[in-house]
C-alpha atoms as a PDB file:
ATOM      1  CA  MET A   1      15.195   4.426 -19.537  1.00  0.00           C
ATOM      2  CA  ALA A   2      16.740   0.982 -19.551  1.00  0.00           C
ATOM      3  CA  ALA A   3      14.182  -1.783 -19.878  1.00  0.00           C
ATOM      4  CA  LEU A   4      14.448  -4.178 -16.974  1.00  0.00           C
ATOM      5  CA  ASP A   5      12.222  -7.175 -16.435  1.00  0.00           C
ATOM      6  CA  GLU A   6       9.599  -6.516 -13.739  1.00  0.00           C
ATOM      7  CA  LYS A   7      10.299  -9.851 -12.030  1.00  0.00           C
ATOM      8  CA  LEU A   8      13.989  -8.974 -11.872  1.00  0.00           C
ATOM      9  CA  LEU A   9      13.176  -5.569 -10.366  1.00  0.00           C
ATOM     10  CA  GLN A  10      11.140  -7.270  -7.642  1.00  0.00           C
ATOM     11  CA  ILE A  11      14.090  -9.354  -6.443  1.00  0.00           C
ATOM     12  CA  LEU A  12      16.957  -6.867  -6.816  1.00  0.00           C
ATOM     13  CA  VAL A  13      18.003  -5.200  -3.560  1.00  0.00           C
ATOM     14  CA  CYS A  14      20.642  -2.737  -2.443  1.00  0.00           C
ATOM     15  CA  PRO A  15      23.874  -4.601  -1.642  1.00  0.00           C
ATOM     16  CA  VAL A  16      24.460  -2.349   1.390  1.00  0.00           C
ATOM     17  CA  ASP A  17      21.168  -2.502   3.327  1.00  0.00           C
ATOM     18  CA  ARG A  18      19.333  -5.254   1.383  1.00  0.00           C
ATOM     19  CA  GLY A  19      16.369  -2.906   0.939  1.00  0.00           C
ATOM     20  CA  PRO A  20      14.279  -2.402  -2.218  1.00  0.00           C
ATOM     21  CA  LEU A  21      15.430  -0.144  -5.039  1.00  0.00           C
ATOM     22  CA  VAL A  22      13.515   2.399  -7.131  1.00  0.00           C
ATOM     23  CA  HIS A  23      14.004   2.171 -10.907  1.00  0.00           C
ATOM     24  CA  THR A  24      14.140   5.630 -12.440  1.00  0.00           C
ATOM     25  CA  ASP A  25      16.054   7.235 -15.298  1.00  0.00           C
ATOM     26  CA  ASP A  26      18.926   4.846 -15.955  1.00  0.00           C
ATOM     27  CA  VAL A  27      19.620   4.020 -12.327  1.00  0.00           C
ATOM     28  CA  LEU A  28      18.390   1.862  -9.495  1.00  0.00           C
ATOM     29  CA  TYR A  29      18.055   4.128  -6.484  1.00  0.00           C
ATOM     30  CA  ASN A  30      18.120   3.470  -2.748  1.00  0.00           C
ATOM     31  CA  PRO A  31      16.318   6.479  -1.219  1.00  0.00           C
ATOM     32  CA  ARG A  32      17.155   5.418   2.353  1.00  0.00           C
ATOM     33  CA  LEU A  33      20.922   5.636   1.789  1.00  0.00           C
ATOM     34  CA  ARG A  34      20.717   8.081  -1.151  1.00  0.00           C
ATOM     35  CA  ARG A  35      22.768   5.757  -3.361  1.00  0.00           C
ATOM     36  CA  ALA A  36      22.288   5.481  -7.133  1.00  0.00           C
ATOM     37  CA  TYR A  37      23.413   2.348  -8.974  1.00  0.00           C
ATOM     38  CA  ARG A  38      23.920   2.751 -12.712  1.00  0.00           C
ATOM     39  CA  ILE A  39      22.515   0.463 -15.378  1.00  0.00           C
ATOM     40  CA  ASP A  40      24.981  -0.316 -18.187  1.00  0.00           C
ATOM     41  CA  GLU A  41      23.403  -1.617 -21.399  1.00  0.00           C
ATOM     42  CA  GLY A  42      20.469  -3.058 -19.461  1.00  0.00           C
ATOM     43  CA  ILE A  43      22.635  -4.629 -16.749  1.00  0.00           C
ATOM     44  CA  PRO A  44      22.350  -3.237 -13.197  1.00  0.00           C
ATOM     45  CA  VAL A  45      25.750  -2.565 -11.606  1.00  0.00           C
ATOM     46  CA  LEU A  46      24.980  -3.366  -7.974  1.00  0.00           C
ATOM     47  CA  LEU A  47      28.450  -2.978  -6.528  1.00  0.00           C
ATOM     48  CA  ALA A  48      28.615  -0.905  -3.350  1.00  0.00           C
ATOM     49  CA  ASP A  49      31.850   0.794  -4.380  1.00  0.00           C
ATOM     50  CA  GLU A  50      30.403   1.709  -7.797  1.00  0.00           C
ATOM     51  CA  ALA A  51      27.330   3.484  -6.376  1.00  0.00           C
ATOM     52  CA  ARG A  52      27.013   7.240  -6.634  1.00  0.00           C
ATOM     53  CA  GLN A  53      26.081   9.145  -3.481  1.00  0.00           C
ATOM     54  CA  VAL A  54      23.221  11.604  -4.130  1.00  0.00           C
ATOM     55  CA  GLU A  55      23.844  14.766  -2.120  1.00  0.00           C
ATOM     56  CA  ASP A  56      21.446  17.148  -3.901  1.00  0.00           C
ATOM     57  CA  ASP A  57      17.978  17.257  -2.296  1.00  0.00           C
ATOM     58  CA  ASP A  58      16.205  18.003  -5.605  1.00  0.00           C
ATOM     59  CA  GLU A  59      17.881  15.059  -7.322  1.00  0.00           C
ATOM     60  CA  HIS A  60      17.041  12.843  -4.347  1.00  0.00           C
ATOM     61  CA  ALA A  61      13.372  13.856  -4.544  1.00  0.00           C
ATOM     62  CA  ARG A  62      13.286  13.233  -8.305  1.00  0.00           C
ATOM     63  CA  LEU A  63      14.953   9.826  -8.062  1.00  0.00           C
ATOM     64  CA  ALA A  64      12.821   8.792  -5.100  1.00  0.00           C
ATOM     65  CA  GLY A  65       9.702   9.637  -7.090  1.00  0.00           C
ATOM     66  CA  SER A  66       8.437  12.393  -4.807  1.00  0.00           C
ATOM     67  CA  ALA A  67       9.309  15.346  -7.060  1.00  0.00           C
END
């Protein structure tokens, strides 16, 4: 898992809905929109057009922390 500063995680938001993100695996995840933003070499890539849509319910549950 990429190490991100806790203070940074508290201020980062989804660029689409401005809501909070969940840090899991090597992504920042928006469970409301089911969008996963990758982290490249410790740098979050928070570009709306670079996000991956999570269609699988099991993956969504795992990323959202409810699995």
